[in-house]
Amino acid sequence: MTDWPQGRTADGDGYGRGGAMPGPEPTRRMPHMRRGAQPAGPTPPPPPAPPYGRVPAQQSQGYDDPYAGGDGYNTGQVYGGGGGHGGDPYGRPAPDWGRRVKRGLVTLVLVALVVSVGTYFWADSKLRREVDLSIVKDRPEAGEGTNYLIVGSDSREGLSAEDQKRLHTGRVEGKRTDSMMILHVGDNGNTMVSLPRDSYVTIPDFTGSESGKDFPASGPAKLNASYSKDGAPLLVRTVEFNTGLKIDHYAEIGFGGFAEIVDAVGGVEMDIPRDLKEKNSGIDLKKGRQTLDGEQALAFVRQRYGLAGGDLDRTKNQQKFLAALASQTASPSTVLNPFKLYPVMGAGLDTLIVDEDMSLFDLASMFWAMKDITGGGGKQMNMPIAGSAPGGSLRWDMPKVKQLVSELKNDEPVTVSE
């Protein structure tokens, strides 16, 4: 047969010479593409085959597996991914923690700023600026520092009949002052001076805050009578007239608001020097350190009967308690706890009556000064008393009063004693 397979010829030329060739056809060598120059000399033997069942490992940076068939050359890559940045098998860059922390801090600051601004405007809108001091006549010159007249009234505003019974306030129309004190805030220490409500003073002529009518001076009377006649403006006018000290700001709180603030702050810790029990105020406390709730606190600051010094001892108790209350209100456990801070602020701002020029910063300064006095950074005292006066009232020691006022006006350390 002369038919040969395709690609073959009978004469032996072409691919596959068949049986006509004297020997086998030599192997054709294909060109080999190499990555780099090979070392001279004989070709090294191939690595041994991996054990049965083992899957050859892939090369990774800095590691050659003898079963991977590598030649020691590292490409810096892993199977199926990029260059291994940050140890991520997919080649993704490592997270920029510095930038993330900065963004978190900026966000935190912005949130705190928004909350602070919102809280400020909320609190400012609730402040009851109801006292106009601009109508007060013949005011003395202002001195150094800031003087607050802080008043506790016997107002039953907001109290139900049940509340009045529980707090032993009685049912009395109108309102009177139950406590009065001057708080001087200055650079040489803060001073709190209580004004006994039975102080024997001159009530000067004044212009009615509501009627606009002029009223003549009414002669000596108890200090709290001025408040009964025309409220806060006449009380400020009477204090300024009898002391010569200008009052910069006015703050007043009633029975209900006082008790509510104490309860909102969680009570105020006091050290009661002896057992106290008296029916008019409703006080019933045992000797020793204890936390007073709103009802107990109100009874403590109102007690007058059963105290050796009468009204003078009561003013000392009032100073002591108000300073402790301010300290508790300004403590980190209250200020840094929104679940406590907002109820306290709400209770205080709803019932606190201030002058028209009082800002939240002024109010905060007043509370911080009271807190400072509690910590020993100031002085607490009564207005110096010379003795008794008609109608069971108390006469001021005027030489000492003038010295005290001079030291307060000039913001000097107070050296006057009671």
Protein backbone atom coordinates (compact mmCIF):
# COMPACT_ATOMS: atom_id res chain seq x y z
CA MET A 1 0.00 0.00 0.00
CA THR A 2 1.31 3.41 -0.94
CA ASP A 3 -1.17 5.61 1.01
CA TRP A 4 0.59 7.20 3.88
CA PRO A 5 -0.90 9.07 6.84
CA GLN A 6 -1.22 12.83 6.45
CA GLY A 7 2.08 14.52 6.87
CA ARG A 8 4.09 11.53 5.72
CA THR A 9 5.64 10.68 2.32
CA ALA A 10 6.74 7.50 0.85
CA ASP A 11 10.28 8.68 0.39
CA GLY A 12 10.77 9.36 4.05
CA ASP A 13 10.67 13.16 3.90
CA GLY A 14 8.39 15.11 6.25
CA TYR A 15 7.00 14.43 9.67
CA GLY A 16 7.44 10.86 10.85
CA ARG A 17 9.58 8.82 8.57
CA GLY A 18 8.03 5.55 9.57
CA GLY A 19 9.87 2.36 8.97
CA ALA A 20 12.04 3.93 6.24
CA MET A 21 14.21 5.68 8.82
CA PRO A 22 17.26 3.88 10.02
CA GLY A 23 16.55 5.03 13.62
CA PRO A 24 14.07 7.04 15.73
CA GLU A 25 13.51 10.67 14.94
CA PRO A 26 15.46 12.99 17.28
CA THR A 27 13.46 14.98 19.91
CA ARG A 28 12.77 18.57 19.00
CA ARG A 29 13.64 21.00 21.80
CA MET A 30 11.18 23.91 22.36
CA PRO A 31 12.52 27.30 23.49
CA HIS A 32 12.10 27.97 27.24
CA MET A 33 11.22 31.46 28.54
CA ARG A 34 13.06 32.12 31.79
CA ARG A 35 12.52 34.96 34.34
CA GLY A 36 16.20 35.63 34.69
CA ALA A 37 19.58 34.31 33.86
CA GLN A 38 20.21 30.77 35.06
CA PRO A 39 23.43 29.90 36.81
CA ALA A 40 26.04 28.09 34.71
CA GLY A 41 26.52 24.40 35.09
CA PRO A 42 24.28 21.40 35.08
CA THR A 43 20.59 21.83 35.85
CA PRO A 44 19.80 20.92 39.49
CA PRO A 45 17.47 18.01 39.99
CA PRO A 46 13.83 18.86 40.64
CA PRO A 47 12.61 18.86 44.28
CA PRO A 48 11.05 15.67 45.56
CA ALA A 49 7.35 15.22 45.11
CA PRO A 50 5.19 16.12 48.12
CA PRO A 51 3.91 13.33 50.32
CA TYR A 52 0.70 11.71 49.29
CA GLY A 53 -2.36 13.86 50.09
CA ARG A 54 -0.44 17.08 50.78
CA VAL A 55 -1.51 20.17 48.87
CA PRO A 56 1.41 22.27 47.74
CA ALA A 57 1.56 25.54 49.67
CA GLN A 58 1.65 28.93 47.99
CA GLN A 59 4.58 31.24 48.31
CA SER A 60 4.28 34.23 50.57
CA GLN A 61 6.65 37.06 51.27
CA GLY A 62 9.76 35.98 53.10
CA TYR A 63 8.87 32.25 53.16
CA ASP A 64 9.71 29.40 50.76
CA ASP A 65 7.94 26.12 51.16
CA PRO A 66 10.04 23.27 49.71
CA TYR A 67 6.81 21.69 48.54
CA ALA A 68 5.67 24.74 46.70
CA GLY A 69 8.12 24.27 43.88
CA GLY A 70 9.73 27.64 44.48
CA ASP A 71 13.25 28.54 43.59
CA GLY A 72 13.92 30.93 46.51
CA TYR A 73 12.70 33.96 44.61
CA ASN A 74 10.08 36.02 46.50
CA THR A 75 7.50 37.92 44.51
CA GLY A 76 6.04 39.67 47.62
CA GLN A 77 2.57 38.35 46.77
CA VAL A 78 0.23 35.77 48.18
CA TYR A 79 -2.07 33.58 46.24
CA GLY A 80 -5.24 35.34 45.19
CA GLY A 81 -4.30 38.80 46.48
CA GLY A 82 -2.14 41.88 46.26
CA GLY A 83 1.05 42.84 47.96
CA GLY A 84 -0.01 42.01 51.56
CA HIS A 85 -0.25 45.60 52.99
CA GLY A 86 -0.89 45.55 56.75
CA GLY A 87 -1.26 41.79 56.71
CA ASP A 88 -4.58 41.99 54.82
CA PRO A 89 -4.79 39.00 52.38
CA TYR A 90 -6.82 41.17 49.98
CA GLY A 91 -4.29 43.96 49.80
CA ARG A 92 -6.47 46.57 51.59
CA PRO A 93 -4.61 49.38 53.44
CA ALA A 94 -4.47 49.29 57.25
CA PRO A 95 -7.06 51.52 59.04
CA ASP A 96 -5.91 55.06 59.89
CA TRP A 97 -6.66 55.05 63.63
CA GLY A 98 -5.28 58.54 64.14
CA ARG A 99 -7.82 59.99 61.75
CA ARG A 100 -10.63 57.95 63.29
CA VAL A 101 -9.77 59.16 66.81
CA LYS A 102 -9.69 62.77 65.61
CA ARG A 103 -13.09 62.41 63.97
CA GLY A 104 -14.50 60.84 67.14
CA LEU A 105 -13.17 63.66 69.31
CA VAL A 106 -14.54 66.33 66.98
CA THR A 107 -17.94 64.62 66.98
CA LEU A 108 -17.91 64.39 70.78
CA VAL A 109 -17.03 68.08 71.13
CA LEU A 110 -19.78 69.11 68.71
CA VAL A 111 -22.38 67.01 70.55
CA ALA A 112 -21.29 68.46 73.90
CA LEU A 113 -21.46 71.98 72.45
CA VAL A 114 -24.95 71.46 71.06
CA VAL A 115 -26.19 70.00 74.37
CA SER A 116 -24.59 72.84 76.36
CA VAL A 117 -26.06 75.56 74.17
CA GLY A 118 -29.46 73.89 74.20
CA THR A 119 -29.35 73.52 77.99
CA TYR A 120 -28.38 77.17 78.40
CA PHE A 121 -31.28 78.49 76.35
CA TRP A 122 -33.68 76.04 78.01
CA ALA A 123 -32.61 77.15 81.50
CA ASP A 124 -32.55 80.83 80.53
CA SER A 125 -36.13 80.61 79.27
CA LYS A 126 -37.31 79.12 82.57
CA LEU A 127 -35.71 81.76 84.82
CA ARG A 128 -38.39 83.98 86.36
CA ARG A 129 -37.05 87.53 86.01
CA GLU A 130 -39.89 89.31 87.80
CA VAL A 131 -38.16 91.93 89.97
CA ASP A 132 -37.40 95.36 88.50
CA LEU A 133 -34.64 96.97 90.53
CA SER A 134 -34.57 100.03 88.28
CA ILE A 135 -37.58 101.48 90.13
CA VAL A 136 -35.73 101.49 93.47
CA LYS A 137 -35.11 105.10 94.55
CA ASP A 138 -31.93 106.81 95.77
CA ARG A 139 -29.58 103.93 95.34
CA PRO A 140 -26.08 104.04 96.88
CA GLU A 141 -22.92 103.90 94.80
CA ALA A 142 -21.74 100.48 93.73
CA GLY A 143 -18.61 99.10 95.35
CA GLU A 144 -16.18 96.33 94.47
CA GLY A 145 -17.48 92.80 94.04
CA THR A 146 -21.10 91.68 93.67
CA ASN A 147 -23.84 91.76 96.31
CA TYR A 148 -26.83 89.39 96.21
CA LEU A 149 -29.89 89.73 98.42
CA ILE A 150 -31.17 86.16 98.93
CA VAL A 151 -34.68 85.85 100.33
CA GLY A 152 -36.69 82.87 101.51
CA SER A 153 -40.36 83.76 101.45
CA ASP A 154 -43.28 81.96 103.05
CA SER A 155 -45.08 81.83 99.72
CA ARG A 156 -47.37 78.80 99.40
CA GLU A 157 -47.45 79.13 95.62
CA GLY A 158 -47.96 75.75 93.98
CA LEU A 159 -48.72 73.97 97.27
CA SER A 160 -51.94 71.99 97.57
CA ALA A 161 -53.88 71.84 100.86
CA GLU A 162 -52.29 68.45 101.46
CA ASP A 163 -48.81 69.86 100.83
CA GLN A 164 -49.42 72.74 103.22
CA LYS A 165 -50.46 70.31 105.93
CA ARG A 166 -47.52 67.98 105.31
CA LEU A 167 -44.99 70.85 105.32
CA HIS A 168 -46.63 72.61 108.30
CA THR A 169 -46.87 75.89 106.40
CA GLY A 170 -50.46 76.75 107.33
CA ARG A 171 -52.88 78.61 105.06
CA VAL A 172 -51.90 82.26 105.02
CA GLU A 173 -52.80 84.71 102.26
CA GLY A 174 -50.04 86.69 100.62
CA LYS A 175 -46.38 86.16 101.45
CA ARG A 176 -43.76 87.42 103.87
CA THR A 177 -40.02 87.01 104.19
CA ASP A 178 -38.93 84.09 106.31
CA SER A 179 -35.19 84.66 105.85
CA MET A 180 -32.95 87.31 104.33
CA MET A 181 -29.21 87.41 103.77
CA ILE A 182 -26.62 89.38 101.85
CA LEU A 183 -24.04 87.37 99.92
CA HIS A 184 -20.95 89.33 98.93
CA VAL A 185 -18.84 87.76 96.18
CA GLY A 186 -15.38 89.25 95.82
CA ASP A 187 -11.68 88.61 95.28
CA ASN A 188 -10.83 88.54 98.99
CA GLY A 189 -13.24 85.84 100.05
CA ASN A 190 -17.01 85.54 100.01
CA THR A 191 -19.15 86.68 102.94
CA MET A 192 -22.70 85.71 103.87
CA VAL A 193 -24.45 88.08 106.27
CA SER A 194 -27.87 87.12 107.65
CA LEU A 195 -30.41 89.87 108.30
CA PRO A 196 -32.77 88.85 111.11
CA ARG A 197 -36.33 89.45 109.99
CA ASP A 198 -36.98 91.17 113.35
CA SER A 199 -34.25 93.75 112.69
CA TYR A 200 -35.37 97.21 113.89
CA VAL A 201 -34.87 99.48 110.85
CA THR A 202 -36.28 102.56 109.15
CA ILE A 203 -38.61 101.92 106.21
CA PRO A 204 -37.87 104.85 103.87
CA ASP A 205 -40.15 106.63 101.44
CA PHE A 206 -40.73 104.72 98.22
CA THR A 207 -42.65 104.59 94.98
CA GLY A 208 -45.13 101.75 94.73
CA SER A 209 -43.96 99.05 92.32
CA GLU A 210 -47.45 98.50 90.93
CA SER A 211 -49.37 101.68 91.69
CA GLY A 212 -46.56 104.12 90.86
CA LYS A 213 -47.64 106.24 93.83
CA ASP A 214 -45.19 107.82 96.26
CA PHE A 215 -45.36 106.73 99.90
CA PRO A 216 -43.71 108.56 102.84
CA ALA A 217 -41.28 106.94 105.23
CA SER A 218 -43.05 104.96 107.95
CA GLY A 219 -40.45 105.13 110.69
CA PRO A 220 -38.76 102.23 112.52
CA ALA A 221 -40.29 98.79 112.07
CA LYS A 222 -39.26 95.18 111.62
CA LEU A 223 -37.34 94.53 108.43
CA ASN A 224 -39.81 91.98 107.08
CA ALA A 225 -42.59 94.60 107.21
CA SER A 226 -41.05 96.31 104.19
CA TYR A 227 -41.55 93.18 102.10
CA SER A 228 -45.17 92.91 103.24
CA LYS A 229 -45.84 96.49 102.10
CA ASP A 230 -44.43 96.42 98.58
CA GLY A 231 -42.51 93.21 97.97
CA ALA A 232 -38.97 92.90 96.69
CA PRO A 233 -38.36 96.49 95.48
CA LEU A 234 -39.16 98.02 98.87
CA LEU A 235 -37.16 95.34 100.69
CA VAL A 236 -34.11 96.16 98.53
CA ARG A 237 -34.70 99.89 99.09
CA THR A 238 -34.92 99.36 102.88
CA VAL A 239 -31.72 97.25 103.04
CA GLU A 240 -29.80 99.78 100.93
CA PHE A 241 -31.14 102.73 102.94
CA ASN A 242 -30.13 101.23 106.31
CA THR A 243 -26.75 99.81 105.26
CA GLY A 244 -25.50 102.04 102.42
CA LEU A 245 -24.58 98.88 100.49
CA LYS A 246 -25.87 98.57 96.92
CA ILE A 247 -27.65 95.32 96.07
CA ASP A 248 -26.69 94.13 92.57
CA HIS A 249 -28.98 91.10 92.29
CA TYR A 250 -32.03 89.66 93.99
CA ALA A 251 -33.05 86.00 94.36
CA GLU A 252 -36.15 84.64 96.14
CA ILE A 253 -37.57 81.16 96.66
CA GLY A 254 -40.75 79.98 98.39
CA PHE A 255 -41.51 77.04 100.65
CA GLY A 256 -42.58 74.66 97.89
CA GLY A 257 -39.64 75.36 95.63
CA PHE A 258 -37.17 74.96 98.48
CA ALA A 259 -38.49 71.51 99.43
CA GLU A 260 -38.63 70.44 95.77
CA ILE A 261 -34.99 71.36 95.13
CA VAL A 262 -33.84 69.42 98.19
CA ASP A 263 -35.75 66.32 97.06
CA ALA A 264 -34.49 66.67 93.47
CA VAL A 265 -30.85 66.76 94.60
CA GLY A 266 -31.42 63.62 96.66
CA GLY A 267 -31.42 65.25 100.09
CA VAL A 268 -28.77 67.26 101.92
CA GLU A 269 -26.45 65.80 104.54
CA MET A 270 -26.35 67.74 107.81
CA ASP A 271 -24.84 67.21 111.24
CA ILE A 272 -27.63 67.95 113.75
CA PRO A 273 -26.00 69.04 117.04
CA ARG A 274 -28.85 67.87 119.31
CA ASP A 275 -32.33 66.38 119.21
CA LEU A 276 -34.81 68.84 117.69
CA LYS A 277 -38.58 68.65 118.03
CA GLU A 278 -41.05 71.53 117.73
CA LYS A 279 -44.68 71.54 116.58
CA ASN A 280 -44.89 74.93 114.81
CA SER A 281 -42.24 74.06 112.25
CA GLY A 282 -42.94 70.32 112.42
CA ILE A 283 -39.29 69.48 113.00
CA ASP A 284 -38.50 66.09 114.57
CA LEU A 285 -34.84 65.17 114.17
CA LYS A 286 -32.38 63.15 116.22
CA LYS A 287 -28.85 64.22 116.99
CA GLY A 288 -26.15 63.16 114.53
CA ARG A 289 -25.17 63.23 110.85
CA GLN A 290 -28.06 62.44 108.53
CA THR A 291 -29.57 63.29 105.14
CA LEU A 292 -32.57 65.62 105.26
CA ASP A 293 -35.30 65.38 102.65
CA GLY A 294 -37.35 68.38 101.49
CA GLU A 295 -39.88 68.25 104.33
CA GLN A 296 -37.22 67.87 107.04
CA ALA A 297 -35.02 70.57 105.50
CA LEU A 298 -37.87 73.09 105.39
CA ALA A 299 -38.67 72.42 109.05
CA PHE A 300 -34.98 72.84 109.94
CA VAL A 301 -34.60 76.28 108.34
CA ARG A 302 -37.96 77.51 109.64
CA GLN A 303 -37.58 76.50 113.28
CA ARG A 304 -37.56 79.50 115.54
CA TYR A 305 -39.10 78.39 118.81
CA GLY A 306 -37.09 76.08 121.03
CA LEU A 307 -33.76 77.66 120.02
CA ALA A 308 -31.76 79.48 122.69
CA GLY A 309 -30.97 82.41 120.40
CA GLY A 310 -34.40 82.51 118.75
CA ASP A 311 -34.26 84.23 115.36
CA LEU A 312 -30.47 84.64 115.54
CA ASP A 313 -29.97 80.89 115.88
CA ARG A 314 -32.43 80.30 113.09
CA THR A 315 -30.46 82.54 110.71
CA LYS A 316 -27.33 80.53 111.53
CA ASN A 317 -29.15 77.30 110.69
CA GLN A 318 -30.36 78.85 107.44
CA GLN A 319 -26.86 79.88 106.43
CA LYS A 320 -25.48 76.47 107.29
CA PHE A 321 -28.13 74.63 105.33
CA LEU A 322 -28.10 76.87 102.22
CA ALA A 323 -24.33 76.54 101.97
CA ALA A 324 -24.63 72.73 102.26
CA LEU A 325 -27.41 72.71 99.64
CA ALA A 326 -25.29 74.76 97.23
CA SER A 327 -22.36 72.41 97.80
CA GLN A 328 -24.52 69.37 97.07
CA THR A 329 -26.05 70.99 93.98
CA ALA A 330 -22.64 71.93 92.57
CA SER A 331 -21.04 68.55 93.26
CA PRO A 332 -19.83 66.37 90.33
CA SER A 333 -22.41 63.70 91.24
CA THR A 334 -25.11 66.25 90.34
CA VAL A 335 -23.50 68.36 87.63
CA LEU A 336 -22.21 65.37 85.61
CA ASN A 337 -25.38 63.31 85.94
CA PRO A 338 -28.05 64.56 83.50
CA PHE A 339 -30.71 62.41 85.17
CA LYS A 340 -30.08 64.41 88.36
CA LEU A 341 -28.98 67.77 87.01
CA TYR A 342 -32.05 68.52 84.88
CA PRO A 343 -34.61 67.74 87.61
CA VAL A 344 -32.64 69.94 90.04
CA MET A 345 -32.41 72.78 87.54
CA GLY A 346 -36.06 72.41 86.62
CA ALA A 347 -37.17 72.48 90.26
CA GLY A 348 -35.04 75.51 91.06
CA LEU A 349 -35.73 77.57 87.96
CA ASP A 350 -39.48 77.02 88.13
CA THR A 351 -39.70 78.53 91.61
CA LEU A 352 -36.74 80.92 91.82
CA ILE A 353 -37.67 84.60 91.33
CA VAL A 354 -34.82 86.93 90.35
CA ASP A 355 -34.24 90.46 89.12
CA GLU A 356 -34.51 91.34 85.46
CA ASP A 357 -30.74 91.71 85.00
CA MET A 358 -29.83 88.35 86.54
CA SER A 359 -28.08 86.06 84.05
CA LEU A 360 -27.44 82.35 84.39
CA PHE A 361 -23.78 83.17 84.92
CA ASP A 362 -24.71 85.47 87.82
CA LEU A 363 -26.87 82.73 89.27
CA ALA A 364 -24.08 80.17 88.91
CA SER A 365 -21.64 82.60 90.56
CA MET A 366 -24.03 82.92 93.51
CA PHE A 367 -24.26 79.16 94.02
CA TRP A 368 -20.52 78.61 93.63
CA ALA A 369 -19.83 81.33 96.20
CA MET A 370 -22.19 79.63 98.66
CA LYS A 371 -20.42 76.32 97.98
CA ASP A 372 -17.08 78.02 98.58
CA ILE A 373 -18.25 79.25 101.97
CA THR A 374 -19.14 75.68 102.94
CA GLY A 375 -15.58 74.62 102.11
CA GLY A 376 -14.10 77.27 104.37
CA GLY A 377 -13.35 79.79 101.62
CA GLY A 378 -15.51 82.52 103.14
CA LYS A 379 -17.25 83.81 106.22
CA GLN A 380 -20.75 83.37 107.66
CA MET A 381 -22.13 85.83 110.18
CA ASN A 382 -25.21 87.68 111.41
CA MET A 383 -25.59 91.41 111.11
CA PRO A 384 -23.96 92.77 114.31
CA ILE A 385 -26.63 93.23 116.99
CA ALA A 386 -26.46 95.73 119.85
CA GLY A 387 -29.48 94.47 121.80
CA SER A 388 -33.24 94.33 121.87
CA ALA A 389 -35.63 96.99 120.59
CA PRO A 390 -39.37 97.74 120.89
CA GLY A 391 -41.86 95.06 119.86
CA GLY A 392 -39.44 92.17 120.38
CA SER A 393 -37.20 93.41 117.56
CA LEU A 394 -33.39 93.57 117.39
CA ARG A 395 -31.29 96.73 117.17
CA TRP A 396 -28.20 96.74 114.94
CA ASP A 397 -24.77 97.72 116.27
CA MET A 398 -24.36 100.65 113.86
CA PRO A 399 -20.59 101.30 114.35
CA LYS A 400 -19.89 97.67 113.49
CA VAL A 401 -22.43 97.76 110.65
CA LYS A 402 -20.65 100.76 109.10
CA GLN A 403 -17.28 99.02 109.39
CA LEU A 404 -18.70 95.84 107.83
CA VAL A 405 -20.26 97.75 104.94
CA SER A 406 -17.00 99.63 104.32
CA GLU A 407 -15.04 96.36 104.13
CA LEU A 408 -17.59 94.82 101.76
CA LYS A 409 -17.71 97.90 99.52
CA ASN A 410 -13.93 97.94 99.18
CA ASP A 411 -13.81 94.13 98.83
CA GLU A 412 -11.55 93.82 101.84
CA PRO A 413 -11.30 90.80 104.16
CA VAL A 414 -14.06 91.07 106.74
CA THR A 415 -12.72 91.61 110.26
CA VAL A 416 -15.97 92.56 111.98
CA SER A 417 -17.38 90.03 114.43
CA GLU A 418 -20.97 89.59 115.46
